[in-house]
Amino acid sequence: MLKILFVCTGNICRSPMAEGIMKKKLKLMKIRDIAVSSAGISAFDSSKASKKAVEISKQGGVDISEHKARAIDEDIVERADMILVMDSIQKEELLTNFPKSSNKIYFLGSFLNENEEEREILDPYGLSIYNYRLCFGELNMAIEGLLDFIMKNKNNSNQ
């Protein structure tokens, strides 16, 4: 079982949208050996996803209305096989607090295309619904790239 963790700042916008998108894609693809979760660097446990994130996700066929934020901790980091951050602040925070996990921390935005190294996915929090829509679209495309990457590596390890 591959355990994927999406991380953003408050775990109320980007990471819950990413988690929801990924879960939907895995269900549609009938993939059951990948577990998905999310957490936030500065999350307040049990906060709900932002209203705009819930609205845009719903428009994209993803239900995150029951999402409850959680703060990242050592146990969450240790259990994850792959940690996907949205920006450099989160990456630095994780590298500082969990240096042993540096080999499993990636920018989700780096999966938008094969040439991107460390592309950030900007936080729409406090911005217009349009910014949430853009963010959802970027997350969706990055997760497509992530799934391609996972499936290629899975196929290569099975040969």
C-alpha atoms as a PDB file:
ATOM      1  CA  MET A   1       0.000   0.000   0.000  1.00  0.00           C
ATOM      2  CA  LEU A   2       1.466   3.309  -1.148  1.00  0.00           C
ATOM      3  CA  LYS A   3       0.594   6.104   1.319  1.00  0.00           C
ATOM      4  CA  ILE A   4       0.410   9.605  -0.184  1.00  0.00           C
ATOM      5  CA  LEU A   5       0.186  12.742   1.940  1.00  0.00           C
ATOM      6  CA  PHE A   6      -0.761  16.154   0.532  1.00  0.00           C
ATOM      7  CA  VAL A   7       0.472  19.108   2.608  1.00  0.00           C
ATOM      8  CA  CYS A   8      -0.424  22.787   2.501  1.00  0.00           C
ATOM      9  CA  THR A   9      -0.516  25.541   5.105  1.00  0.00           C
ATOM     10  CA  GLY A  10      -3.891  25.296   6.839  1.00  0.00           C
ATOM     11  CA  ASN A  11      -5.239  22.046   5.363  1.00  0.00           C
ATOM     12  CA  ILE A  12      -8.422  23.882   4.344  1.00  0.00           C
ATOM     13  CA  CYS A  13      -7.863  24.694   0.633  1.00  0.00           C
ATOM     14  CA  ARG A  14      -5.169  23.094  -1.536  1.00  0.00           C
ATOM     15  CA  SER A  15      -4.405  19.846   0.290  1.00  0.00           C
ATOM     16  CA  PRO A  16      -8.056  18.823   0.881  1.00  0.00           C
ATOM     17  CA  MET A  17      -8.859  19.610  -2.761  1.00  0.00           C
ATOM     18  CA  ALA A  18      -5.844  17.533  -3.849  1.00  0.00           C
ATOM     19  CA  GLU A  19      -6.845  14.686  -1.518  1.00  0.00           C
ATOM     20  CA  GLY A  20     -10.398  14.715  -2.887  1.00  0.00           C
ATOM     21  CA  ILE A  21      -9.273  14.818  -6.514  1.00  0.00           C
ATOM     22  CA  MET A  22      -6.817  11.969  -5.971  1.00  0.00           C
ATOM     23  CA  LYS A  23      -9.368   9.798  -4.174  1.00  0.00           C
ATOM     24  CA  LYS A  24     -11.890  10.329  -6.982  1.00  0.00           C
ATOM     25  CA  LYS A  25      -9.351   9.443  -9.678  1.00  0.00           C
ATOM     26  CA  LEU A  26      -8.226   6.322  -7.791  1.00  0.00           C
ATOM     27  CA  LYS A  27     -11.837   5.201  -7.416  1.00  0.00           C
ATOM     28  CA  LEU A  28     -12.553   5.753 -11.126  1.00  0.00           C
ATOM     29  CA  MET A  29      -9.369   3.858 -12.032  1.00  0.00           C
ATOM     30  CA  LYS A  30     -10.271   1.083  -9.531  1.00  0.00           C
ATOM     31  CA  ILE A  31      -6.882   1.445  -7.816  1.00  0.00           C
ATOM     32  CA  ARG A  32      -7.078   0.179  -4.245  1.00  0.00           C
ATOM     33  CA  ASP A  33      -3.431  -0.036  -3.226  1.00  0.00           C
ATOM     34  CA  ILE A  34      -2.886   3.717  -2.760  1.00  0.00           C
ATOM     35  CA  ALA A  35      -4.034   5.484   0.410  1.00  0.00           C
ATOM     36  CA  VAL A  36      -4.444   9.269   0.372  1.00  0.00           C
ATOM     37  CA  SER A  37      -4.576  11.826   3.187  1.00  0.00           C
ATOM     38  CA  SER A  38      -3.744  15.466   3.861  1.00  0.00           C
ATOM     39  CA  ALA A  39      -2.431  17.712   6.625  1.00  0.00           C
ATOM     40  CA  GLY A  40      -1.311  21.282   7.183  1.00  0.00           C
ATOM     41  CA  ILE A  41       1.826  22.948   8.488  1.00  0.00           C
ATOM     42  CA  SER A  42      -0.229  25.497  10.478  1.00  0.00           C
ATOM     43  CA  ALA A  43      -3.572  23.714  10.613  1.00  0.00           C
ATOM     44  CA  PHE A  44      -6.121  24.016  13.371  1.00  0.00           C
ATOM     45  CA  ASP A  45      -7.377  20.497  13.990  1.00  0.00           C
ATOM     46  CA  SER A  46     -10.980  19.886  12.883  1.00  0.00           C
ATOM     47  CA  SER A  47     -11.339  23.141  10.906  1.00  0.00           C
ATOM     48  CA  LYS A  48     -13.591  22.686   7.894  1.00  0.00           C
ATOM     49  CA  ALA A  49     -12.431  23.173   4.322  1.00  0.00           C
ATOM     50  CA  SER A  50     -12.960  26.729   3.093  1.00  0.00           C
ATOM     51  CA  LYS A  51     -16.394  27.374   1.592  1.00  0.00           C
ATOM     52  CA  LYS A  52     -14.899  28.324  -1.767  1.00  0.00           C
ATOM     53  CA  ALA A  53     -12.768  25.141  -1.834  1.00  0.00           C
ATOM     54  CA  VAL A  54     -15.881  23.062  -1.102  1.00  0.00           C
ATOM     55  CA  GLU A  55     -17.863  24.906  -3.795  1.00  0.00           C
ATOM     56  CA  ILE A  56     -15.229  24.614  -6.528  1.00  0.00           C
ATOM     57  CA  SER A  57     -14.524  20.977  -5.657  1.00  0.00           C
ATOM     58  CA  LYS A  58     -18.227  20.184  -5.871  1.00  0.00           C
ATOM     59  CA  GLN A  59     -18.357  21.815  -9.319  1.00  0.00           C
ATOM     60  CA  GLY A  60     -15.476  19.497 -10.275  1.00  0.00           C
ATOM     61  CA  GLY A  61     -17.345  16.422  -9.011  1.00  0.00           C
ATOM     62  CA  VAL A  62     -15.343  16.141  -5.771  1.00  0.00           C
ATOM     63  CA  ASP A  63     -16.998  16.248  -2.347  1.00  0.00           C
ATOM     64  CA  ILE A  64     -14.782  17.656   0.420  1.00  0.00           C
ATOM     65  CA  SER A  65     -17.669  18.983   2.537  1.00  0.00           C
ATOM     66  CA  GLU A  66     -16.870  16.590   5.399  1.00  0.00           C
ATOM     67  CA  HIS A  67     -13.146  17.403   5.468  1.00  0.00           C
ATOM     68  CA  LYS A  68     -11.589  18.134   8.871  1.00  0.00           C
ATOM     69  CA  ALA A  69      -8.172  19.798   8.962  1.00  0.00           C
ATOM     70  CA  ARG A  70      -5.310  18.259  10.906  1.00  0.00           C
ATOM     71  CA  ALA A  71      -1.894  19.521  11.853  1.00  0.00           C
ATOM     72  CA  ILE A  72       1.093  17.622  10.571  1.00  0.00           C
ATOM     73  CA  ASP A  73       3.164  15.713  13.114  1.00  0.00           C
ATOM     74  CA  GLU A  74       5.968  13.169  13.199  1.00  0.00           C
ATOM     75  CA  ASP A  75       3.635  10.165  13.128  1.00  0.00           C
ATOM     76  CA  ILE A  76       1.816  11.428  10.010  1.00  0.00           C
ATOM     77  CA  VAL A  77       5.128  12.129   8.258  1.00  0.00           C
ATOM     78  CA  GLU A  78       6.630   8.742   9.163  1.00  0.00           C
ATOM     79  CA  ARG A  79       3.606   6.814   7.879  1.00  0.00           C
ATOM     80  CA  ALA A  80       3.647   8.555   4.483  1.00  0.00           C
ATOM     81  CA  ASP A  81       5.623   7.084   1.591  1.00  0.00           C
ATOM     82  CA  MET A  82       5.309  10.214  -0.530  1.00  0.00           C
ATOM     83  CA  ILE A  83       4.713  13.761   0.769  1.00  0.00           C
ATOM     84  CA  LEU A  84       3.509  16.338  -1.748  1.00  0.00           C
ATOM     85  CA  VAL A  85       3.835  20.005  -0.790  1.00  0.00           C
ATOM     86  CA  MET A  86       2.378  23.023  -2.553  1.00  0.00           C
ATOM     87  CA  ASP A  87       5.152  25.581  -1.986  1.00  0.00           C
ATOM     88  CA  SER A  88       8.710  26.144  -0.776  1.00  0.00           C
ATOM     89  CA  ILE A  89       7.647  27.345   2.689  1.00  0.00           C
ATOM     90  CA  GLN A  90       6.033  23.988   3.395  1.00  0.00           C
ATOM     91  CA  LYS A  91       9.011  22.104   2.000  1.00  0.00           C
ATOM     92  CA  GLU A  92      11.449  24.075   4.187  1.00  0.00           C
ATOM     93  CA  GLU A  93       9.252  23.565   7.249  1.00  0.00           C
ATOM     94  CA  LEU A  94       9.143  19.810   6.675  1.00  0.00           C
ATOM     95  CA  LEU A  95      12.883  19.581   5.977  1.00  0.00           C
ATOM     96  CA  THR A  96      13.621  21.518   9.169  1.00  0.00           C
ATOM     97  CA  ASN A  97      11.272  19.535  11.408  1.00  0.00           C
ATOM     98  CA  PHE A  98      11.533  16.098   9.773  1.00  0.00           C
ATOM     99  CA  PRO A  99      14.986  15.916   8.125  1.00  0.00           C
ATOM    100  CA  LYS A 100      14.934  12.092   7.937  1.00  0.00           C
ATOM    101  CA  SER A 101      11.984  12.329   5.541  1.00  0.00           C
ATOM    102  CA  SER A 102      13.718  14.550   2.966  1.00  0.00           C
ATOM    103  CA  ASN A 103      13.837  11.735   0.384  1.00  0.00           C
ATOM    104  CA  LYS A 104      10.053  11.511   0.186  1.00  0.00           C
ATOM    105  CA  ILE A 105       9.119  15.212  -0.077  1.00  0.00           C
ATOM    106  CA  TYR A 106       8.111  16.500  -3.520  1.00  0.00           C
ATOM    107  CA  PHE A 107       6.422  19.550  -4.998  1.00  0.00           C
ATOM    108  CA  LEU A 108       3.024  18.496  -6.330  1.00  0.00           C
ATOM    109  CA  GLY A 109       3.420  21.187  -9.000  1.00  0.00           C
ATOM    110  CA  SER A 110       6.494  19.424 -10.359  1.00  0.00           C
ATOM    111  CA  PHE A 111       4.138  16.822 -11.839  1.00  0.00           C
ATOM    112  CA  LEU A 112       2.409  19.413 -14.066  1.00  0.00           C
ATOM    113  CA  ASN A 113       4.890  18.584 -16.802  1.00  0.00           C
ATOM    114  CA  GLU A 114       8.112  16.646 -17.186  1.00  0.00           C
ATOM    115  CA  ASN A 115      10.386  19.715 -17.291  1.00  0.00           C
ATOM    116  CA  GLU A 116       9.312  21.433 -14.063  1.00  0.00           C
ATOM    117  CA  GLU A 117      11.601  20.986 -11.096  1.00  0.00           C
ATOM    118  CA  GLU A 118       9.989  22.803  -8.182  1.00  0.00           C
ATOM    119  CA  ARG A 119       6.833  24.525  -9.344  1.00  0.00           C
ATOM    120  CA  GLU A 120       4.569  25.940  -6.650  1.00  0.00           C
ATOM    121  CA  ILE A 121       0.784  25.785  -6.585  1.00  0.00           C
ATOM    122  CA  LEU A 122      -0.386  29.122  -5.227  1.00  0.00           C
ATOM    123  CA  ASP A 123      -2.710  29.401  -2.245  1.00  0.00           C
ATOM    124  CA  PRO A 124      -6.164  30.741  -3.205  1.00  0.00           C
ATOM    125  CA  TYR A 125      -7.141  31.402   0.427  1.00  0.00           C
ATOM    126  CA  GLY A 126      -8.788  34.808   0.788  1.00  0.00           C
ATOM    127  CA  LEU A 127      -8.889  35.325  -2.976  1.00  0.00           C
ATOM    128  CA  SER A 128     -11.752  35.158  -5.471  1.00  0.00           C
ATOM    129  CA  ILE A 129     -13.623  32.066  -6.602  1.00  0.00           C
ATOM    130  CA  TYR A 130     -11.720  32.417  -9.878  1.00  0.00           C
ATOM    131  CA  ASN A 131      -8.436  31.786  -8.012  1.00  0.00           C
ATOM    132  CA  TYR A 132      -9.924  28.671  -6.418  1.00  0.00           C
ATOM    133  CA  ARG A 133     -11.007  27.467  -9.863  1.00  0.00           C
ATOM    134  CA  LEU A 134      -7.474  27.993 -11.217  1.00  0.00           C
ATOM    135  CA  CYS A 135      -5.994  26.187  -8.222  1.00  0.00           C
ATOM    136  CA  PHE A 136      -8.409  23.243  -8.616  1.00  0.00           C
ATOM    137  CA  GLY A 137      -7.464  22.969 -12.297  1.00  0.00           C
ATOM    138  CA  GLU A 138      -3.746  23.006 -11.495  1.00  0.00           C
ATOM    139  CA  LEU A 139      -4.191  20.410  -8.764  1.00  0.00           C
ATOM    140  CA  ASN A 140      -6.188  18.220 -11.152  1.00  0.00           C
ATOM    141  CA  MET A 141      -3.499  18.375 -13.854  1.00  0.00           C
ATOM    142  CA  ALA A 142      -0.666  17.829 -11.361  1.00  0.00           C
ATOM    143  CA  ILE A 143      -2.430  14.763  -9.953  1.00  0.00           C
ATOM    144  CA  GLU A 144      -2.792  13.374 -13.485  1.00  0.00           C
ATOM    145  CA  GLY A 145       0.994  13.725 -13.815  1.00  0.00           C
ATOM    146  CA  LEU A 146       1.522  12.213 -10.366  1.00  0.00           C
ATOM    147  CA  LEU A 147      -0.608   9.195 -11.262  1.00  0.00           C
ATOM    148  CA  ASP A 148       1.319   8.739 -14.521  1.00  0.00           C
ATOM    149  CA  PHE A 149       4.580   8.865 -12.530  1.00  0.00           C
ATOM    150  CA  ILE A 150       3.306   6.330  -9.959  1.00  0.00           C
ATOM    151  CA  MET A 151       1.976   3.941 -12.614  1.00  0.00           C
ATOM    152  CA  LYS A 152       5.210   4.088 -14.651  1.00  0.00           C
ATOM    153  CA  ASN A 153       7.286   3.363 -11.553  1.00  0.00           C
ATOM    154  CA  LYS A 154       4.916   0.596 -10.518  1.00  0.00           C
ATOM    155  CA  ASN A 155       5.162  -1.014 -13.969  1.00  0.00           C
ATOM    156  CA  ASN A 156       8.964  -0.687 -13.977  1.00  0.00           C
ATOM    157  CA  SER A 157       9.242  -2.339 -10.551  1.00  0.00           C
ATOM    158  CA  ASN A 158       7.025  -5.234 -11.715  1.00  0.00           C
ATOM    159  CA  GLN A 159       9.291  -6.040 -14.679  1.00  0.00           C
END
